[in-house]
């Protein structure tokens, strides 16, 4: 809607518990092989993953919306999963130009 200049284009982006994983999980069938429907647990490795792709892409797009379109970005976090780097990427860069609640 922003590209069209439509009056209904959003002026606010609220992110509720934004979680950015660094690894794929076998449960989503992204890593490892399987026999039938059972994954091979020893084939699953957490060494390779998506790294910070999702966090960086989200940060860059949200920054673009703020800087170019004036869209206010709000981040609501209350879970340890979204705040600690041991569980995922807390995406501190996203907080630099948003309201953190």
C-alpha atoms as a PDB file:
ATOM      1  CA  UNK A   1       0.000   0.000   0.000  1.00  0.00           C
ATOM      2  CA  UNK A   2       2.923   2.348   0.614  1.00  0.00           C
ATOM      3  CA  UNK A   3       4.199   1.739  -2.921  1.00  0.00           C
ATOM      4  CA  UNK A   4       0.816   2.765  -4.297  1.00  0.00           C
ATOM      5  CA  UNK A   5       0.547   5.793  -2.024  1.00  0.00           C
ATOM      6  CA  UNK A   6      -2.743   4.422  -0.716  1.00  0.00           C
ATOM      7  CA  UNK A   7      -4.326   6.202   2.247  1.00  0.00           C
ATOM      8  CA  UNK A   8      -4.768   2.870   4.055  1.00  0.00           C
ATOM      9  CA  UNK A   9      -0.987   2.262   4.162  1.00  0.00           C
ATOM     10  CA  UNK A  10       0.024   1.375   7.735  1.00  0.00           C
ATOM     11  CA  UNK A  11       1.622   4.056   9.879  1.00  0.00           C
ATOM     12  CA  UNK A  12       2.522   1.708  12.732  1.00  0.00           C
ATOM     13  CA  UNK A  13       4.312  -1.653  12.935  1.00  0.00           C
ATOM     14  CA  UNK A  14       3.855  -3.525  16.223  1.00  0.00           C
ATOM     15  CA  UNK A  15       6.075  -6.565  16.731  1.00  0.00           C
ATOM     16  CA  UNK A  16       4.828  -8.865  19.480  1.00  0.00           C
ATOM     17  CA  UNK A  17       7.531 -11.150  20.905  1.00  0.00           C
ATOM     18  CA  UNK A  18       9.730 -11.042  17.786  1.00  0.00           C
ATOM     19  CA  UNK A  19      11.879 -14.182  17.906  1.00  0.00           C
ATOM     20  CA  UNK A  20      14.750 -14.639  15.457  1.00  0.00           C
ATOM     21  CA  UNK A  21      16.150 -18.152  15.449  1.00  0.00           C
ATOM     22  CA  UNK A  22      19.713 -18.911  14.415  1.00  0.00           C
ATOM     23  CA  UNK A  23      19.083 -22.575  13.598  1.00  0.00           C
ATOM     24  CA  UNK A  24      16.603 -24.707  11.751  1.00  0.00           C
ATOM     25  CA  UNK A  25      14.946 -27.426  13.770  1.00  0.00           C
ATOM     26  CA  UNK A  26      14.367 -30.998  12.604  1.00  0.00           C
ATOM     27  CA  UNK A  27      10.760 -30.656  13.593  1.00  0.00           C
ATOM     28  CA  UNK A  28      10.288 -28.253  10.666  1.00  0.00           C
ATOM     29  CA  UNK A  29      12.154 -30.688   8.366  1.00  0.00           C
ATOM     30  CA  UNK A  30      14.855 -28.168   7.542  1.00  0.00           C
ATOM     31  CA  UNK A  31      17.871 -30.157   8.725  1.00  0.00           C
ATOM     32  CA  UNK A  32      18.987 -33.774   8.530  1.00  0.00           C
ATOM     33  CA  UNK A  33      17.683 -36.784   6.703  1.00  0.00           C
ATOM     34  CA  UNK A  34      14.740 -38.909   7.604  1.00  0.00           C
ATOM     35  CA  UNK A  35      13.613 -42.456   7.168  1.00  0.00           C
ATOM     36  CA  UNK A  36       9.891 -42.375   6.568  1.00  0.00           C
ATOM     37  CA  UNK A  37       8.632 -39.748   8.965  1.00  0.00           C
ATOM     38  CA  UNK A  38      11.345 -40.269  11.628  1.00  0.00           C
ATOM     39  CA  UNK A  39      14.329 -37.889  11.542  1.00  0.00           C
ATOM     40  CA  UNK A  40      17.792 -39.277  12.182  1.00  0.00           C
ATOM     41  CA  UNK A  41      18.815 -37.490  15.378  1.00  0.00           C
ATOM     42  CA  UNK A  42      22.557 -37.989  14.821  1.00  0.00           C
ATOM     43  CA  UNK A  43      22.283 -36.237  11.428  1.00  0.00           C
ATOM     44  CA  UNK A  44      20.994 -33.036  13.010  1.00  0.00           C
ATOM     45  CA  UNK A  45      23.594 -30.378  13.654  1.00  0.00           C
ATOM     46  CA  UNK A  46      23.186 -26.960  15.184  1.00  0.00           C
ATOM     47  CA  UNK A  47      26.525 -25.825  13.721  1.00  0.00           C
ATOM     48  CA  UNK A  48      24.945 -24.588  10.494  1.00  0.00           C
ATOM     49  CA  UNK A  49      21.834 -22.507  10.450  1.00  0.00           C
ATOM     50  CA  UNK A  50      20.247 -19.367   9.179  1.00  0.00           C
ATOM     51  CA  UNK A  51      22.599 -17.277  11.340  1.00  0.00           C
ATOM     52  CA  UNK A  52      21.344 -13.695  11.520  1.00  0.00           C
ATOM     53  CA  UNK A  53      19.563 -13.515   8.151  1.00  0.00           C
ATOM     54  CA  UNK A  54      16.022 -13.149   9.530  1.00  0.00           C
ATOM     55  CA  UNK A  55      17.080 -10.604  12.162  1.00  0.00           C
ATOM     56  CA  UNK A  56      19.057  -8.448   9.701  1.00  0.00           C
ATOM     57  CA  UNK A  57      16.375  -8.559   6.998  1.00  0.00           C
ATOM     58  CA  UNK A  58      13.668  -7.588   9.496  1.00  0.00           C
ATOM     59  CA  UNK A  59      15.807  -4.802  10.947  1.00  0.00           C
ATOM     60  CA  UNK A  60      16.626  -3.373   7.517  1.00  0.00           C
ATOM     61  CA  UNK A  61      13.045  -3.460   6.270  1.00  0.00           C
ATOM     62  CA  UNK A  62      11.660  -1.944   9.484  1.00  0.00           C
ATOM     63  CA  UNK A  63      14.340   0.778   9.323  1.00  0.00           C
ATOM     64  CA  UNK A  64      13.340   1.519   5.723  1.00  0.00           C
ATOM     65  CA  UNK A  65       9.685   1.842   6.744  1.00  0.00           C
ATOM     66  CA  UNK A  66      10.652   4.254   9.535  1.00  0.00           C
ATOM     67  CA  UNK A  67      13.112   6.394   7.584  1.00  0.00           C
ATOM     68  CA  UNK A  68      11.298   6.541   4.238  1.00  0.00           C
ATOM     69  CA  UNK A  69       7.619   6.140   5.109  1.00  0.00           C
ATOM     70  CA  UNK A  70       7.508   7.399   8.707  1.00  0.00           C
ATOM     71  CA  UNK A  71       6.078   4.123  10.017  1.00  0.00           C
ATOM     72  CA  UNK A  72       6.461   3.942  13.795  1.00  0.00           C
ATOM     73  CA  UNK A  73       7.989   0.644  14.950  1.00  0.00           C
ATOM     74  CA  UNK A  74       7.021  -0.803  18.343  1.00  0.00           C
ATOM     75  CA  UNK A  75       8.593  -3.891  19.913  1.00  0.00           C
ATOM     76  CA  UNK A  76       6.900  -5.735  22.760  1.00  0.00           C
ATOM     77  CA  UNK A  77       9.035  -8.309  24.599  1.00  0.00           C
ATOM     78  CA  UNK A  78       8.295 -10.257  27.746  1.00  0.00           C
ATOM     79  CA  UNK A  79       9.810 -13.677  27.014  1.00  0.00           C
ATOM     80  CA  UNK A  80      13.316 -14.836  27.804  1.00  0.00           C
ATOM     81  CA  UNK A  81      13.369 -16.388  24.307  1.00  0.00           C
ATOM     82  CA  UNK A  82      13.275 -12.944  22.681  1.00  0.00           C
ATOM     83  CA  UNK A  83      15.675 -11.247  25.082  1.00  0.00           C
ATOM     84  CA  UNK A  84      18.633 -13.620  25.534  1.00  0.00           C
ATOM     85  CA  UNK A  85      21.178 -14.537  22.879  1.00  0.00           C
ATOM     86  CA  UNK A  86      21.442 -18.113  24.180  1.00  0.00           C
ATOM     87  CA  UNK A  87      17.970 -18.816  22.734  1.00  0.00           C
ATOM     88  CA  UNK A  88      18.045 -16.741  19.556  1.00  0.00           C
ATOM     89  CA  UNK A  89      19.052 -13.357  18.184  1.00  0.00           C
ATOM     90  CA  UNK A  90      17.589 -10.549  20.353  1.00  0.00           C
ATOM     91  CA  UNK A  91      18.122  -8.195  17.375  1.00  0.00           C
ATOM     92  CA  UNK A  92      19.498  -5.204  19.291  1.00  0.00           C
ATOM     93  CA  UNK A  93      19.830  -3.307  15.996  1.00  0.00           C
ATOM     94  CA  UNK A  94      16.050  -3.273  15.664  1.00  0.00           C
ATOM     95  CA  UNK A  95      15.747  -1.469  18.990  1.00  0.00           C
ATOM     96  CA  UNK A  96      17.906   1.469  17.814  1.00  0.00           C
ATOM     97  CA  UNK A  97      15.071   3.081  15.859  1.00  0.00           C
ATOM     98  CA  UNK A  98      11.992   1.650  17.525  1.00  0.00           C
ATOM     99  CA  UNK A  99      10.023   1.976  20.726  1.00  0.00           C
ATOM    100  CA  UNK A 100      10.882  -0.918  23.027  1.00  0.00           C
ATOM    101  CA  UNK A 101       8.209  -1.981  25.520  1.00  0.00           C
END
